Amino acid sequence: MGEFFKKAFEDMKESAKAQHEVDKANFAAAKAESKAQWEEAKAMGNPQKRKEMMQAERDSQIAEANERLAEAQARIDAAKK
């Protein structure tokens, strides 16, 4: 009976240590995400940075649209054969 409790408490101790590691990792990730959001918000105050970020977003949207256009054209060509 004593061994049972000894093993049970040892398992709880290991579980608590593992959960603590998970909590530390989650906290570090949340902290980094918060800092990233802060830096992005701060960069939006700078007109040049904001302009660059908006242009990069537009460029990615254009590239995505061109890719969709190419896929659609390939489907049209395949349907015509």
PDB file of N, CA and C in Angstrom:
ATOM      1  N   MET A   1       0.825  -1.194   0.000  1.00  0.00           N
ATOM      2  CA  MET A   1       0.000   0.000   0.000  1.00  0.00           C
ATOM      3  C   MET A   1       0.865   1.251   0.000  1.00  0.00           C
ATOM      4  N   GLY A   2       1.951   1.228   0.758  1.00  0.00           N
ATOM      5  CA  GLY A   2       2.849   2.367   0.826  1.00  0.00           C
ATOM      6  C   GLY A   2       3.529   2.620  -0.518  1.00  0.00           C
ATOM      7  N   GLU A   3       3.877   1.557  -1.219  1.00  0.00           N
ATOM      8  CA  GLU A   3       4.505   1.686  -2.535  1.00  0.00           C
ATOM      9  C   GLU A   3       3.547   2.326  -3.536  1.00  0.00           C
ATOM     10  N   PHE A   4       2.268   1.972  -3.416  1.00  0.00           N
ATOM     11  CA  PHE A   4       1.259   2.529  -4.307  1.00  0.00           C
ATOM     12  C   PHE A   4       1.224   4.051  -4.183  1.00  0.00           C
ATOM     13  N   PHE A   5       1.166   4.542  -2.936  1.00  0.00           N
ATOM     14  CA  PHE A   5       1.115   5.988  -2.730  1.00  0.00           C
ATOM     15  C   PHE A   5       2.428   6.657  -3.129  1.00  0.00           C
ATOM     16  N   LYS A   6       3.537   5.980  -2.853  1.00  0.00           N
ATOM     17  CA  LYS A   6       4.832   6.525  -3.224  1.00  0.00           C
ATOM     18  C   LYS A   6       4.901   6.702  -4.747  1.00  0.00           C
ATOM     19  N   LYS A   7       4.463   5.696  -5.486  1.00  0.00           N
ATOM     20  CA  LYS A   7       4.471   5.768  -6.952  1.00  0.00           C
ATOM     21  C   LYS A   7       3.483   6.821  -7.443  1.00  0.00           C
ATOM     22  N   ALA A   8       2.321   6.896  -6.844  1.00  0.00           N
ATOM     23  CA  ALA A   8       1.313   7.869  -7.256  1.00  0.00           C
ATOM     24  C   ALA A   8       1.828   9.291  -7.074  1.00  0.00           C
ATOM     25  N   PHE A   9       2.455   9.572  -5.922  1.00  0.00           N
ATOM     26  CA  PHE A   9       2.988  10.916  -5.687  1.00  0.00           C
ATOM     27  C   PHE A   9       4.166  11.225  -6.606  1.00  0.00           C
ATOM     28  N   GLU A  10       4.967  10.230  -6.921  1.00  0.00           N
ATOM     29  CA  GLU A  10       6.072  10.424  -7.858  1.00  0.00           C
ATOM     30  C   GLU A  10       5.539  10.764  -9.252  1.00  0.00           C
ATOM     31  N   ASP A  11       4.476  10.058  -9.666  1.00  0.00           N
ATOM     32  CA  ASP A  11       3.847  10.345 -10.962  1.00  0.00           C
ATOM     33  C   ASP A  11       3.266  11.755 -10.997  1.00  0.00           C
ATOM     34  N   MET A  12       2.626  12.167  -9.902  1.00  0.00           N
ATOM     35  CA  MET A  12       2.071  13.524  -9.845  1.00  0.00           C
ATOM     36  C   MET A  12       3.183  14.568  -9.922  1.00  0.00           C
ATOM     37  N   LYS A  13       4.309  14.288  -9.272  1.00  0.00           N
ATOM     38  CA  LYS A  13       5.439  15.214  -9.287  1.00  0.00           C
ATOM     39  C   LYS A  13       5.986  15.360 -10.708  1.00  0.00           C
ATOM     40  N   GLU A  14       6.150  14.245 -11.409  1.00  0.00           N
ATOM     41  CA  GLU A  14       6.640  14.287 -12.790  1.00  0.00           C
ATOM     42  C   GLU A  14       5.653  15.015 -13.698  1.00  0.00           C
ATOM     43  N   SER A  15       4.370  14.761 -13.494  1.00  0.00           N
ATOM     44  CA  SER A  15       3.344  15.410 -14.289  1.00  0.00           C
ATOM     45  C   SER A  15       3.355  16.922 -14.064  1.00  0.00           C
ATOM     46  N   ALA A  16       3.517  17.333 -12.820  1.00  0.00           N
ATOM     47  CA  ALA A  16       3.558  18.763 -12.497  1.00  0.00           C
ATOM     48  C   ALA A  16       4.769  19.420 -13.146  1.00  0.00           C
ATOM     49  N   LYS A  17       5.915  18.741 -13.148  1.00  0.00           N
ATOM     50  CA  LYS A  17       7.114  19.288 -13.791  1.00  0.00           C
ATOM     51  C   LYS A  17       6.891  19.449 -15.295  1.00  0.00           C
ATOM     52  N   ALA A  18       6.303  18.433 -15.918  1.00  0.00           N
ATOM     53  CA  ALA A  18       6.052  18.490 -17.354  1.00  0.00           C
ATOM     54  C   ALA A  18       5.068  19.612 -17.679  1.00  0.00           C
ATOM     55  N   GLN A  19       4.022  19.757 -16.885  1.00  0.00           N
ATOM     56  CA  GLN A  19       3.039  20.818 -17.116  1.00  0.00           C
ATOM     57  C   GLN A  19       3.675  22.190 -16.937  1.00  0.00           C
ATOM     58  N   HIS A  20       4.595  22.303 -15.978  1.00  0.00           N
ATOM     59  CA  HIS A  20       5.297  23.565 -15.761  1.00  0.00           C
ATOM     60  C   HIS A  20       6.106  23.944 -17.002  1.00  0.00           C
ATOM     61  N   GLU A  21       6.756  22.975 -17.625  1.00  0.00           N
ATOM     62  CA  GLU A  21       7.509  23.238 -18.848  1.00  0.00           C
ATOM     63  C   GLU A  21       6.585  23.708 -19.970  1.00  0.00           C
ATOM     64  N   VAL A  22       5.412  23.080 -20.080  1.00  0.00           N
ATOM     65  CA  VAL A  22       4.432  23.484 -21.081  1.00  0.00           C
ATOM     66  C   VAL A  22       3.974  24.912 -20.819  1.00  0.00           C
ATOM     67  N   ASP A  23       3.689  25.211 -19.571  1.00  0.00           N
ATOM     68  CA  ASP A  23       3.248  26.560 -19.209  1.00  0.00           C
ATOM     69  C   ASP A  23       4.321  27.607 -19.516  1.00  0.00           C
ATOM     70  N   LYS A  24       5.579  27.286 -19.229  1.00  0.00           N
ATOM     71  CA  LYS A  24       6.670  28.216 -19.521  1.00  0.00           C
ATOM     72  C   LYS A  24       6.775  28.473 -21.019  1.00  0.00           C
ATOM     73  N   ALA A  25       6.655  27.419 -21.819  1.00  0.00           N
ATOM     74  CA  ALA A  25       6.745  27.568 -23.268  1.00  0.00           C
ATOM     75  C   ALA A  25       5.574  28.401 -23.800  1.00  0.00           C
ATOM     76  N   ASN A  26       4.366  28.139 -23.308  1.00  0.00           N
ATOM     77  CA  ASN A  26       3.199  28.911 -23.736  1.00  0.00           C
ATOM     78  C   ASN A  26       3.321  30.374 -23.337  1.00  0.00           C
ATOM     79  N   PHE A  27       3.841  30.638 -22.158  1.00  0.00           N
ATOM     80  CA  PHE A  27       4.016  32.011 -21.700  1.00  0.00           C
ATOM     81  C   PHE A  27       5.031  32.737 -22.577  1.00  0.00           C
ATOM     82  N   ALA A  28       6.132  32.071 -22.900  1.00  0.00           N
ATOM     83  CA  ALA A  28       7.155  32.683 -23.742  1.00  0.00           C
ATOM     84  C   ALA A  28       6.587  32.987 -25.136  1.00  0.00           C
ATOM     85  N   ALA A  29       5.782  32.069 -25.666  1.00  0.00           N
ATOM     86  CA  ALA A  29       5.176  32.295 -26.991  1.00  0.00           C
ATOM     87  C   ALA A  29       4.208  33.470 -26.943  1.00  0.00           C
ATOM     88  N   ALA A  30       3.385  33.539 -25.924  1.00  0.00           N
ATOM     89  CA  ALA A  30       2.430  34.643 -25.798  1.00  0.00           C
ATOM     90  C   ALA A  30       3.164  35.973 -25.642  1.00  0.00           C
ATOM     91  N   LYS A  31       4.243  35.966 -24.900  1.00  0.00           N
ATOM     92  CA  LYS A  31       5.029  37.176 -24.703  1.00  0.00           C
ATOM     93  C   LYS A  31       5.645  37.640 -26.027  1.00  0.00           C
ATOM     94  N   ALA A  32       6.173  36.705 -26.803  1.00  0.00           N
ATOM     95  CA  ALA A  32       6.771  37.047 -28.093  1.00  0.00           C
ATOM     96  C   ALA A  32       5.717  37.562 -29.067  1.00  0.00           C
ATOM     97  N   GLU A  33       4.537  36.928 -29.079  1.00  0.00           N
ATOM     98  CA  GLU A  33       3.463  37.393 -29.954  1.00  0.00           C
ATOM     99  C   GLU A  33       3.020  38.795 -29.588  1.00  0.00           C
ATOM    100  N   SER A  34       2.942  39.064 -28.291  1.00  0.00           N
ATOM    101  CA  SER A  34       2.553  40.391 -27.825  1.00  0.00           C
ATOM    102  C   SER A  34       3.579  41.434 -28.261  1.00  0.00           C
ATOM    103  N   LYS A  35       4.848  41.110 -28.140  1.00  0.00           N
ATOM    104  CA  LYS A  35       5.898  42.040 -28.563  1.00  0.00           C
ATOM    105  C   LYS A  35       5.827  42.271 -30.070  1.00  0.00           C
ATOM    106  N   ALA A  36       5.561  41.217 -30.831  1.00  0.00           N
ATOM    107  CA  ALA A  36       5.452  41.354 -32.288  1.00  0.00           C
ATOM    108  C   ALA A  36       4.293  42.278 -32.652  1.00  0.00           C
ATOM    109  N   GLN A  37       3.168  42.109 -31.976  1.00  0.00           N
ATOM    110  CA  GLN A  37       2.026  42.992 -32.232  1.00  0.00           C
ATOM    111  C   GLN A  37       2.365  44.437 -31.892  1.00  0.00           C
ATOM    112  N   TRP A  38       3.073  44.629 -30.796  1.00  0.00           N
ATOM    113  CA  TRP A  38       3.458  45.978 -30.387  1.00  0.00           C
ATOM    114  C   TRP A  38       4.375  46.609 -31.433  1.00  0.00           C
ATOM    115  N   GLU A  39       5.367  45.845 -31.901  1.00  0.00           N
ATOM    116  CA  GLU A  39       6.300  46.366 -32.889  1.00  0.00           C
ATOM    117  C   GLU A  39       5.586  46.681 -34.207  1.00  0.00           C
ATOM    118  N   GLU A  40       4.638  45.845 -34.598  1.00  0.00           N
ATOM    119  CA  GLU A  40       3.870  46.111 -35.813  1.00  0.00           C
ATOM    120  C   GLU A  40       3.043  47.381 -35.667  1.00  0.00           C
ATOM    121  N   ALA A  41       2.412  47.544 -34.520  1.00  0.00           N
ATOM    122  CA  ALA A  41       1.599  48.739 -34.274  1.00  0.00           C
ATOM    123  C   ALA A  41       2.484  49.988 -34.267  1.00  0.00           C
ATOM    124  N   LYS A  42       3.655  49.864 -33.676  1.00  0.00           N
ATOM    125  CA  LYS A  42       4.586  50.980 -33.626  1.00  0.00           C
ATOM    126  C   LYS A  42       5.071  51.325 -35.034  1.00  0.00           C
ATOM    127  N   ALA A  43       5.303  50.303 -35.856  1.00  0.00           N
ATOM    128  CA  ALA A  43       5.774  50.532 -37.226  1.00  0.00           C
ATOM    129  C   ALA A  43       4.701  51.210 -38.069  1.00  0.00           C
ATOM    130  N   MET A  44       3.441  50.966 -37.770  1.00  0.00           N
ATOM    131  CA  MET A  44       2.366  51.592 -38.525  1.00  0.00           C
ATOM    132  C   MET A  44       2.338  53.099 -38.315  1.00  0.00           C
ATOM    133  N   GLY A  45       2.935  53.578 -37.254  1.00  0.00           N
ATOM    134  CA  GLY A  45       3.001  55.012 -36.996  1.00  0.00           C
ATOM    135  C   GLY A  45       4.009  55.710 -37.901  1.00  0.00           C
ATOM    136  N   ASN A  46       4.973  54.955 -38.413  1.00  0.00           N
ATOM    137  CA  ASN A  46       5.980  55.496 -39.320  1.00  0.00           C
ATOM    138  C   ASN A  46       5.427  55.398 -40.740  1.00  0.00           C
ATOM    139  N   PRO A  47       5.199  56.528 -41.408  1.00  0.00           N
ATOM    140  CA  PRO A  47       4.575  56.495 -42.735  1.00  0.00           C
ATOM    141  C   PRO A  47       5.339  55.645 -43.753  1.00  0.00           C
ATOM    142  N   GLN A  48       6.666  55.705 -43.723  1.00  0.00           N
ATOM    143  CA  GLN A  48       7.456  54.939 -44.689  1.00  0.00           C
ATOM    144  C   GLN A  48       7.304  53.436 -44.448  1.00  0.00           C
ATOM    145  N   LYS A  49       7.378  53.027 -43.197  1.00  0.00           N
ATOM    146  CA  LYS A  49       7.218  51.600 -42.860  1.00  0.00           C
ATOM    147  C   LYS A  49       5.825  51.125 -43.234  1.00  0.00           C
ATOM    148  N   ARG A  50       4.837  51.951 -42.931  1.00  0.00           N
ATOM    149  CA  ARG A  50       3.446  51.589 -43.238  1.00  0.00           C
ATOM    150  C   ARG A  50       3.277  51.409 -44.741  1.00  0.00           C
ATOM    151  N   LYS A  51       3.861  52.326 -45.505  1.00  0.00           N
ATOM    152  CA  LYS A  51       3.770  52.256 -46.960  1.00  0.00           C
ATOM    153  C   LYS A  51       4.424  50.969 -47.469  1.00  0.00           C
ATOM    154  N   GLU A  52       5.593  50.622 -46.924  1.00  0.00           N
ATOM    155  CA  GLU A  52       6.294  49.401 -47.325  1.00  0.00           C
ATOM    156  C   GLU A  52       5.486  48.153 -46.985  1.00  0.00           C
ATOM    157  N   MET A  53       4.887  48.144 -45.795  1.00  0.00           N
ATOM    158  CA  MET A  53       4.096  46.983 -45.372  1.00  0.00           C
ATOM    159  C   MET A  53       2.865  46.823 -46.265  1.00  0.00           C
ATOM    160  N   MET A  54       2.211  47.921 -46.569  1.00  0.00           N
ATOM    161  CA  MET A  54       1.023  47.858 -47.416  1.00  0.00           C
ATOM    162  C   MET A  54       1.396  47.401 -48.825  1.00  0.00           C
ATOM    163  N   GLN A  55       2.524  47.882 -49.347  1.00  0.00           N
ATOM    164  CA  GLN A  55       2.961  47.475 -50.684  1.00  0.00           C
ATOM    165  C   GLN A  55       3.301  45.986 -50.704  1.00  0.00           C
ATOM    166  N   ALA A  56       3.940  45.501 -49.665  1.00  0.00           N
ATOM    167  CA  ALA A  56       4.268  44.078 -49.594  1.00  0.00           C
ATOM    168  C   ALA A  56       2.993  43.235 -49.565  1.00  0.00           C
ATOM    169  N   GLU A  57       1.984  43.703 -48.829  1.00  0.00           N
ATOM    170  CA  GLU A  57       0.710  42.983 -48.773  1.00  0.00           C
ATOM    171  C   GLU A  57       0.036  42.975 -50.146  1.00  0.00           C
ATOM    172  N   ARG A  58       0.053  44.111 -50.819  1.00  0.00           N
ATOM    173  CA  ARG A  58      -0.537  44.187 -52.165  1.00  0.00           C
ATOM    174  C   ARG A  58       0.207  43.289 -53.142  1.00  0.00           C
ATOM    175  N   ASP A  59       1.534  43.266 -53.048  1.00  0.00           N
ATOM    176  CA  ASP A  59       2.321  42.405 -53.928  1.00  0.00           C
ATOM    177  C   ASP A  59       1.981  40.936 -53.725  1.00  0.00           C
ATOM    178  N   SER A  60       1.801  40.531 -52.480  1.00  0.00           N
ATOM    179  CA  SER A  60       1.450  39.126 -52.217  1.00  0.00           C
ATOM    180  C   SER A  60       0.049  38.811 -52.746  1.00  0.00           C
ATOM    181  N   GLN A  61      -0.865  39.764 -52.646  1.00  0.00           N
ATOM    182  CA  GLN A  61      -2.216  39.544 -53.177  1.00  0.00           C
ATOM    183  C   GLN A  61      -2.196  39.449 -54.696  1.00  0.00           C
ATOM    184  N   ILE A  62      -1.378  40.263 -55.338  1.00  0.00           N
ATOM    185  CA  ILE A  62      -1.255  40.206 -56.797  1.00  0.00           C
ATOM    186  C   ILE A  62      -0.667  38.865 -57.221  1.00  0.00           C
ATOM    187  N   ALA A  63       0.360  38.414 -56.521  1.00  0.00           N
ATOM    188  CA  ALA A  63       0.981  37.132 -56.850  1.00  0.00           C
ATOM    189  C   ALA A  63      -0.025  35.989 -56.687  1.00  0.00           C
ATOM    190  N   GLU A  64      -0.820  36.040 -55.632  1.00  0.00           N
ATOM    191  CA  GLU A  64      -1.844  35.016 -55.405  1.00  0.00           C
ATOM    192  C   GLU A  64      -2.891  35.046 -56.518  1.00  0.00           C
ATOM    193  N   ALA A  65      -3.309  36.232 -56.930  1.00  0.00           N
ATOM    194  CA  ALA A  65      -4.303  36.360 -57.998  1.00  0.00           C
ATOM    195  C   ALA A  65      -3.744  35.838 -59.320  1.00  0.00           C
ATOM    196  N   ASN A  66      -2.485  36.129 -59.604  1.00  0.00           N
ATOM    197  CA  ASN A  66      -1.867  35.639 -60.833  1.00  0.00           C
ATOM    198  C   ASN A  66      -1.766  34.112 -60.828  1.00  0.00           C
ATOM    199  N   GLU A  67      -1.482  33.546 -59.674  1.00  0.00           N
ATOM    200  CA  GLU A  67      -1.422  32.086 -59.545  1.00  0.00           C
ATOM    201  C   GLU A  67      -2.796  31.469 -59.798  1.00  0.00           C
ATOM    202  N   ARG A  68      -3.832  32.072 -59.228  1.00  0.00           N
ATOM    203  CA  ARG A  68      -5.193  31.576 -59.456  1.00  0.00           C
ATOM    204  C   ARG A  68      -5.573  31.699 -60.921  1.00  0.00           C
ATOM    205  N   LEU A  69      -5.146  32.788 -61.550  1.00  0.00           N
ATOM    206  CA  LEU A  69      -5.422  33.006 -62.967  1.00  0.00           C
ATOM    207  C   LEU A  69      -4.750  31.916 -63.816  1.00  0.00           C
ATOM    208  N   ALA A  70      -3.517  31.601 -63.506  1.00  0.00           N
ATOM    209  CA  ALA A  70      -2.794  30.565 -64.249  1.00  0.00           C
ATOM    210  C   ALA A  70      -3.465  29.195 -64.076  1.00  0.00           C
ATOM    211  N   GLU A  71      -3.902  28.885 -62.855  1.00  0.00           N
ATOM    212  CA  GLU A  71      -4.599  27.616 -62.605  1.00  0.00           C
ATOM    213  C   GLU A  71      -5.907  27.555 -63.381  1.00  0.00           C
ATOM    214  N   ALA A  72      -6.630  28.656 -63.420  1.00  0.00           N
ATOM    215  CA  ALA A  72      -7.901  28.697 -64.147  1.00  0.00           C
ATOM    216  C   ALA A  72      -7.654  28.528 -65.646  1.00  0.00           C
ATOM    217  N   GLN A  73      -6.616  29.172 -66.158  1.00  0.00           N
ATOM    218  CA  GLN A  73      -6.302  29.045 -67.579  1.00  0.00           C
ATOM    219  C   GLN A  73      -5.925  27.604 -67.918  1.00  0.00           C
ATOM    220  N   ALA A  74      -5.196  26.949 -67.021  1.00  0.00           N
ATOM    221  CA  ALA A  74      -4.824  25.549 -67.241  1.00  0.00           C
ATOM    222  C   ALA A  74      -6.071  24.672 -67.263  1.00  0.00           C
ATOM    223  N   ARG A  75      -7.028  24.949 -66.401  1.00  0.00           N
ATOM    224  CA  ARG A  75      -8.283  24.185 -66.394  1.00  0.00           C
ATOM    225  C   ARG A  75      -9.064  24.424 -67.675  1.00  0.00           C
ATOM    226  N   ILE A  76      -9.066  25.672 -68.167  1.00  0.00           N
ATOM    227  CA  ILE A  76      -9.778  25.997 -69.423  1.00  0.00           C
ATOM    228  C   ILE A  76      -9.132  25.225 -70.581  1.00  0.00           C
ATOM    229  N   ASP A  77      -7.795  25.268 -70.636  1.00  0.00           N
ATOM    230  CA  ASP A  77      -7.094  24.569 -71.709  1.00  0.00           C
ATOM    231  C   ASP A  77      -7.344  23.069 -71.651  1.00  0.00           C
ATOM    232  N   ALA A  78      -7.372  22.499 -70.445  1.00  0.00           N
ATOM    233  CA  ALA A  78      -7.624  21.072 -70.291  1.00  0.00           C
ATOM    234  C   ALA A  78      -9.043  20.713 -70.716  1.00  0.00           C
ATOM    235  N   ALA A  79      -9.985  21.607 -70.459  1.00  0.00           N
ATOM    236  CA  ALA A  79     -11.382  21.337 -70.815  1.00  0.00           C
ATOM    237  C   ALA A  79     -11.596  21.419 -72.323  1.00  0.00           C
ATOM    238  N   LYS A  80     -10.811  22.227 -73.017  1.00  0.00           N
ATOM    239  CA  LYS A  80     -10.960  22.391 -74.454  1.00  0.00           C
ATOM    240  C   LYS A  80     -10.414  21.207 -75.247  1.00  0.00           C
ATOM    241  N   LYS A  81      -9.538  20.427 -74.647  1.00  0.00           N
ATOM    242  CA  LYS A  81      -8.920  19.296 -75.363  1.00  0.00           C
ATOM    243  C   LYS A  81      -9.830  18.133 -75.471  1.00  0.00           C
TER     244      LYS A  81
END
